[in-house]
Amino acid sequence: MTAIQQITAVAASLGWEVKTDIQKKKRVEFEFQRYTKMGQDFFFTVGMKGNDTGSLISEIEDYYEGFDPDYEAYLWIGTDGHGRNGAPYHIKDIVSDMEDAEAMIKTLYETLKNTFQ
């Protein structure tokens, strides 16, 4: 099983859908997508250098460490002070949903880290 197949299998076991794009032989882009508890379509994209799973894990860690649920929630609040584009209606629910997304990223990161290190 290749590194890409292993990563995809681990992520799928956690409920993520994975798309890959081999732009160049030196880098593979991974898009991880899944729905939050409130039904928002959440995804993020990170890359892996060659077959270096450590580089992918590092990029996921960086994304997780930089993820701010409050800021992400802010992006989904409309001019009327409520959710827009499919986000929950109440701000507290949007924040809670983004905290759920943060937890999903953390679980993915920790599981991949434990699998490959």
N, C-alpha and C. Protein backbone atom coordinates (compact mmCIF):
# COMPACT_ATOMS: atom_id res chain seq x y z
N MET A 1 0.86 -1.18 0.00
CA MET A 1 0.00 0.00 0.00
C MET A 1 0.90 1.24 0.00
N THR A 2 0.59 2.19 -0.86
CA THR A 2 1.38 3.42 -0.94
C THR A 2 1.05 4.34 0.23
N ALA A 3 1.88 5.35 0.43
CA ALA A 3 1.62 6.33 1.49
C ALA A 3 0.29 7.03 1.25
N ILE A 4 -0.01 7.38 0.01
CA ILE A 4 -1.28 8.05 -0.31
C ILE A 4 -2.45 7.14 0.05
N GLN A 5 -2.36 5.87 -0.29
CA GLN A 5 -3.43 4.93 0.03
C GLN A 5 -3.59 4.77 1.54
N GLN A 6 -2.48 4.71 2.27
CA GLN A 6 -2.54 4.58 3.72
C GLN A 6 -3.20 5.81 4.36
N ILE A 7 -2.79 6.98 3.92
CA ILE A 7 -3.36 8.23 4.45
C ILE A 7 -4.86 8.27 4.17
N THR A 8 -5.23 7.94 2.95
CA THR A 8 -6.63 7.94 2.56
C THR A 8 -7.44 6.95 3.40
N ALA A 9 -6.89 5.76 3.64
CA ALA A 9 -7.58 4.74 4.43
C ALA A 9 -7.76 5.19 5.88
N VAL A 10 -6.73 5.77 6.46
CA VAL A 10 -6.82 6.24 7.85
C VAL A 10 -7.86 7.35 7.95
N ALA A 11 -7.80 8.32 7.03
CA ALA A 11 -8.75 9.44 7.06
C ALA A 11 -10.18 8.93 6.84
N ALA A 12 -10.36 8.01 5.91
CA ALA A 12 -11.70 7.46 5.64
C ALA A 12 -12.25 6.74 6.86
N SER A 13 -11.40 6.09 7.63
CA SER A 13 -11.87 5.38 8.83
C SER A 13 -12.38 6.37 9.88
N LEU A 14 -11.99 7.64 9.76
CA LEU A 14 -12.45 8.69 10.67
C LEU A 14 -13.62 9.50 10.09
N GLY A 15 -14.08 9.12 8.90
CA GLY A 15 -15.22 9.79 8.29
C GLY A 15 -14.88 10.87 7.28
N TRP A 16 -13.60 11.02 6.96
CA TRP A 16 -13.18 12.03 5.99
C TRP A 16 -13.24 11.47 4.58
N GLU A 17 -13.61 12.30 3.62
CA GLU A 17 -13.42 11.99 2.21
C GLU A 17 -12.12 12.66 1.80
N VAL A 18 -11.35 11.98 0.98
CA VAL A 18 -10.03 12.50 0.61
C VAL A 18 -9.91 12.56 -0.91
N LYS A 19 -9.47 13.72 -1.38
CA LYS A 19 -9.13 13.88 -2.79
C LYS A 19 -7.65 14.22 -2.85
N THR A 20 -6.98 13.68 -3.83
CA THR A 20 -5.56 13.99 -3.99
C THR A 20 -5.30 14.57 -5.37
N ASP A 21 -4.28 15.38 -5.42
CA ASP A 21 -3.86 15.99 -6.68
C ASP A 21 -2.34 15.94 -6.72
N ILE A 22 -1.82 15.15 -7.62
CA ILE A 22 -0.37 15.04 -7.77
C ILE A 22 0.04 16.10 -8.79
N GLN A 23 0.33 17.30 -8.28
CA GLN A 23 0.68 18.41 -9.16
C GLN A 23 2.05 18.20 -9.79
N LYS A 24 2.95 17.79 -8.98
CA LYS A 24 4.32 17.52 -9.44
C LYS A 24 4.78 16.28 -8.69
N LYS A 25 5.80 15.67 -9.16
CA LYS A 25 6.29 14.47 -8.47
C LYS A 25 6.79 14.79 -7.07
N LYS A 26 7.06 16.04 -6.83
CA LYS A 26 7.63 16.41 -5.53
C LYS A 26 6.58 16.80 -4.50
N ARG A 27 5.31 16.95 -4.89
CA ARG A 27 4.28 17.38 -3.94
C ARG A 27 2.92 16.79 -4.31
N VAL A 28 2.22 16.32 -3.28
CA VAL A 28 0.87 15.80 -3.44
C VAL A 28 -0.05 16.65 -2.58
N GLU A 29 -1.10 17.18 -3.18
CA GLU A 29 -2.09 17.97 -2.43
C GLU A 29 -3.20 17.03 -1.96
N PHE A 30 -3.56 17.16 -0.69
CA PHE A 30 -4.65 16.39 -0.11
C PHE A 30 -5.76 17.34 0.29
N GLU A 31 -6.98 17.04 -0.14
CA GLU A 31 -8.15 17.78 0.34
C GLU A 31 -8.93 16.82 1.23
N PHE A 32 -9.07 17.21 2.49
CA PHE A 32 -9.83 16.44 3.46
C PHE A 32 -11.18 17.12 3.64
N GLN A 33 -12.27 16.36 3.46
CA GLN A 33 -13.61 16.93 3.52
C GLN A 33 -14.50 16.05 4.38
N ARG A 34 -15.30 16.70 5.21
CA ARG A 34 -16.33 15.99 5.96
C ARG A 34 -17.35 16.99 6.47
N TYR A 35 -18.50 16.50 6.86
CA TYR A 35 -19.56 17.37 7.37
C TYR A 35 -19.44 17.48 8.88
N THR A 36 -19.71 18.68 9.39
CA THR A 36 -19.71 18.90 10.83
C THR A 36 -21.01 18.34 11.41
N LYS A 37 -21.10 18.36 12.74
CA LYS A 37 -22.31 17.86 13.40
C LYS A 37 -23.56 18.64 12.98
N MET A 38 -23.37 19.92 12.64
CA MET A 38 -24.50 20.75 12.23
C MET A 38 -24.71 20.74 10.73
N GLY A 39 -23.95 19.91 10.02
CA GLY A 39 -24.18 19.72 8.59
C GLY A 39 -23.43 20.64 7.65
N GLN A 40 -22.46 21.41 8.18
CA GLN A 40 -21.68 22.25 7.27
C GLN A 40 -20.64 21.40 6.54
N ASP A 41 -20.46 21.70 5.28
CA ASP A 41 -19.46 21.04 4.46
C ASP A 41 -18.11 21.67 4.78
N PHE A 42 -17.29 20.97 5.55
CA PHE A 42 -16.00 21.50 5.99
C PHE A 42 -14.88 20.78 5.25
N PHE A 43 -13.91 21.55 4.77
CA PHE A 43 -12.75 20.92 4.13
C PHE A 43 -11.53 21.82 4.28
N PHE A 44 -10.37 21.18 4.13
CA PHE A 44 -9.11 21.93 4.11
C PHE A 44 -8.12 21.18 3.23
N THR A 45 -7.14 21.90 2.73
CA THR A 45 -6.15 21.34 1.83
C THR A 45 -4.76 21.53 2.39
N VAL A 46 -3.98 20.46 2.36
CA VAL A 46 -2.58 20.48 2.80
C VAL A 46 -1.78 19.64 1.82
N GLY A 47 -0.46 19.73 1.90
CA GLY A 47 0.38 19.01 0.95
C GLY A 47 1.40 18.11 1.61
N MET A 48 1.89 17.17 0.81
CA MET A 48 2.93 16.25 1.24
C MET A 48 4.06 16.30 0.21
N LYS A 49 5.26 16.41 0.69
CA LYS A 49 6.43 16.42 -0.19
C LYS A 49 6.80 14.98 -0.53
N GLY A 50 6.70 14.64 -1.80
CA GLY A 50 7.01 13.28 -2.24
C GLY A 50 6.20 12.26 -1.47
N ASN A 51 6.87 11.29 -0.87
CA ASN A 51 6.21 10.28 -0.04
C ASN A 51 6.51 10.50 1.44
N ASP A 52 6.88 11.72 1.80
CA ASP A 52 7.25 12.04 3.17
C ASP A 52 5.99 12.32 4.00
N THR A 53 5.47 11.29 4.66
CA THR A 53 4.26 11.45 5.45
C THR A 53 4.47 12.46 6.59
N GLY A 54 5.70 12.58 7.06
CA GLY A 54 5.99 13.55 8.11
C GLY A 54 5.71 14.98 7.67
N SER A 55 5.95 15.28 6.39
CA SER A 55 5.68 16.63 5.90
C SER A 55 4.17 16.90 5.88
N LEU A 56 3.38 15.90 5.53
CA LEU A 56 1.92 16.05 5.55
C LEU A 56 1.43 16.24 6.98
N ILE A 57 1.92 15.42 7.88
CA ILE A 57 1.51 15.52 9.28
C ILE A 57 1.87 16.89 9.84
N SER A 58 3.02 17.39 9.47
CA SER A 58 3.45 18.72 9.91
C SER A 58 2.52 19.81 9.38
N GLU A 59 2.10 19.70 8.13
CA GLU A 59 1.18 20.69 7.56
C GLU A 59 -0.19 20.62 8.22
N ILE A 60 -0.65 19.41 8.55
CA ILE A 60 -1.93 19.28 9.25
C ILE A 60 -1.80 19.89 10.65
N GLU A 61 -0.68 19.64 11.30
CA GLU A 61 -0.45 20.23 12.63
C GLU A 61 -0.47 21.76 12.55
N ASP A 62 0.20 22.32 11.57
CA ASP A 62 0.22 23.78 11.40
C ASP A 62 -1.19 24.31 11.15
N TYR A 63 -1.95 23.61 10.32
CA TYR A 63 -3.33 24.04 10.05
C TYR A 63 -4.15 24.00 11.33
N TYR A 64 -4.02 22.91 12.08
CA TYR A 64 -4.75 22.76 13.34
C TYR A 64 -4.37 23.85 14.33
N GLU A 65 -3.08 24.10 14.48
CA GLU A 65 -2.61 25.11 15.44
C GLU A 65 -3.08 26.51 15.05
N GLY A 66 -3.24 26.77 13.76
CA GLY A 66 -3.68 28.08 13.29
C GLY A 66 -5.19 28.23 13.16
N PHE A 67 -5.92 27.15 13.39
CA PHE A 67 -7.37 27.17 13.23
C PHE A 67 -8.00 27.93 14.40
N ASP A 68 -8.79 28.92 14.09
CA ASP A 68 -9.45 29.75 15.12
C ASP A 68 -10.96 29.63 14.94
N PRO A 69 -11.62 28.84 15.81
CA PRO A 69 -13.06 28.64 15.65
C PRO A 69 -13.87 29.93 15.66
N ASP A 70 -13.45 30.92 16.46
CA ASP A 70 -14.17 32.19 16.49
C ASP A 70 -14.08 32.92 15.15
N TYR A 71 -12.88 32.95 14.59
CA TYR A 71 -12.71 33.62 13.30
C TYR A 71 -13.48 32.85 12.21
N GLU A 72 -13.37 31.54 12.22
CA GLU A 72 -14.08 30.73 11.22
C GLU A 72 -15.59 30.95 11.33
N ALA A 73 -16.10 31.07 12.56
CA ALA A 73 -17.52 31.33 12.77
C ALA A 73 -17.89 32.70 12.21
N TYR A 74 -17.03 33.68 12.45
CA TYR A 74 -17.25 35.04 11.96
C TYR A 74 -17.49 35.05 10.45
N LEU A 75 -16.77 34.20 9.73
CA LEU A 75 -16.90 34.14 8.28
C LEU A 75 -18.29 33.69 7.82
N TRP A 76 -19.02 33.00 8.71
CA TRP A 76 -20.32 32.45 8.37
C TRP A 76 -21.48 33.29 8.89
N ILE A 77 -21.17 34.44 9.52
CA ILE A 77 -22.22 35.29 10.07
C ILE A 77 -22.61 36.34 9.04
N GLY A 78 -23.89 36.42 8.75
CA GLY A 78 -24.38 37.38 7.77
C GLY A 78 -24.56 38.76 8.36
N THR A 79 -24.96 39.70 7.53
CA THR A 79 -25.15 41.09 7.96
C THR A 79 -26.29 41.24 8.97
N ASP A 80 -27.17 40.25 9.03
CA ASP A 80 -28.27 40.30 10.00
C ASP A 80 -27.88 39.71 11.36
N GLY A 81 -26.62 39.27 11.50
CA GLY A 81 -26.14 38.72 12.77
C GLY A 81 -26.46 37.25 12.95
N HIS A 82 -26.88 36.59 11.89
CA HIS A 82 -27.21 35.17 11.96
C HIS A 82 -26.44 34.41 10.87
N GLY A 83 -26.46 33.09 10.97
CA GLY A 83 -25.74 32.27 10.00
C GLY A 83 -26.22 32.47 8.58
N ARG A 84 -25.28 32.30 7.65
CA ARG A 84 -25.61 32.42 6.23
C ARG A 84 -24.99 31.25 5.46
N ASN A 85 -25.41 31.07 4.24
CA ASN A 85 -24.87 30.04 3.35
C ASN A 85 -24.88 28.65 3.97
N GLY A 86 -25.95 28.30 4.65
CA GLY A 86 -26.08 26.97 5.22
C GLY A 86 -25.54 26.82 6.63
N ALA A 87 -24.99 27.88 7.20
CA ALA A 87 -24.50 27.83 8.58
C ALA A 87 -25.70 27.84 9.53
N PRO A 88 -25.50 27.33 10.74
CA PRO A 88 -26.59 27.40 11.73
C PRO A 88 -27.06 28.84 11.93
N TYR A 89 -28.29 29.00 12.36
CA TYR A 89 -28.90 30.32 12.51
C TYR A 89 -28.26 31.14 13.64
N HIS A 90 -28.04 30.52 14.79
CA HIS A 90 -27.53 31.24 15.96
C HIS A 90 -26.00 31.25 16.00
N ILE A 91 -25.43 32.38 16.39
CA ILE A 91 -23.98 32.53 16.44
C ILE A 91 -23.35 31.47 17.34
N LYS A 92 -23.94 31.21 18.50
CA LYS A 92 -23.37 30.22 19.42
C LYS A 92 -23.30 28.84 18.76
N ASP A 93 -24.26 28.54 17.89
CA ASP A 93 -24.24 27.26 17.19
C ASP A 93 -23.16 27.23 16.12
N ILE A 94 -22.92 28.36 15.49
CA ILE A 94 -21.85 28.44 14.48
C ILE A 94 -20.51 28.23 15.16
N VAL A 95 -20.29 28.90 16.29
CA VAL A 95 -19.02 28.74 17.03
C VAL A 95 -18.86 27.29 17.47
N SER A 96 -19.91 26.71 18.01
CA SER A 96 -19.86 25.31 18.44
C SER A 96 -19.52 24.39 17.27
N ASP A 97 -20.07 24.68 16.12
CA ASP A 97 -19.81 23.88 14.93
C ASP A 97 -18.35 24.00 14.50
N MET A 98 -17.80 25.19 14.60
CA MET A 98 -16.40 25.37 14.24
C MET A 98 -15.47 24.74 15.28
N GLU A 99 -15.90 24.70 16.52
CA GLU A 99 -15.14 23.97 17.54
C GLU A 99 -15.16 22.47 17.24
N ASP A 100 -16.28 21.99 16.73
CA ASP A 100 -16.38 20.60 16.29
C ASP A 100 -15.42 20.34 15.14
N ALA A 101 -15.35 21.27 14.20
CA ALA A 101 -14.42 21.13 13.08
C ALA A 101 -12.98 21.08 13.59
N GLU A 102 -12.67 21.91 14.55
CA GLU A 102 -11.32 21.92 15.13
C GLU A 102 -11.00 20.56 15.76
N ALA A 103 -11.95 19.99 16.47
CA ALA A 103 -11.76 18.67 17.09
C ALA A 103 -11.55 17.59 16.03
N MET A 104 -12.27 17.71 14.90
CA MET A 104 -12.11 16.73 13.81
C MET A 104 -10.69 16.81 13.23
N ILE A 105 -10.19 18.02 13.08
CA ILE A 105 -8.82 18.20 12.56
C ILE A 105 -7.82 17.59 13.53
N LYS A 106 -8.01 17.85 14.82
CA LYS A 106 -7.09 17.33 15.84
C LYS A 106 -7.08 15.80 15.82
N THR A 107 -8.24 15.19 15.72
CA THR A 107 -8.31 13.72 15.69
C THR A 107 -7.60 13.18 14.47
N LEU A 108 -7.80 13.81 13.31
CA LEU A 108 -7.12 13.39 12.10
C LEU A 108 -5.62 13.50 12.28
N TYR A 109 -5.16 14.64 12.77
CA TYR A 109 -3.74 14.87 12.99
C TYR A 109 -3.15 13.80 13.92
N GLU A 110 -3.77 13.61 15.08
CA GLU A 110 -3.23 12.67 16.07
C GLU A 110 -3.24 11.23 15.55
N THR A 111 -4.28 10.86 14.82
CA THR A 111 -4.36 9.50 14.29
C THR A 111 -3.29 9.26 13.23
N LEU A 112 -3.12 10.22 12.32
CA LEU A 112 -2.07 10.07 11.31
C LEU A 112 -0.68 10.07 11.95
N LYS A 113 -0.48 10.92 12.92
CA LYS A 113 0.81 10.98 13.62
C LYS A 113 1.12 9.64 14.28
N ASN A 114 0.13 9.08 14.97
CA ASN A 114 0.33 7.79 15.64
C ASN A 114 0.52 6.64 14.64
N THR A 115 -0.09 6.76 13.49
CA THR A 115 0.02 5.70 12.47
C THR A 115 1.40 5.70 11.84
N PHE A 116 1.94 6.88 11.57
CA PHE A 116 3.17 6.96 10.79
C PHE A 116 4.44 7.22 11.61
N GLN A 117 4.29 7.44 12.90
CA GLN A 117 5.52 7.69 13.69
C GLN A 117 5.74 6.66 14.75
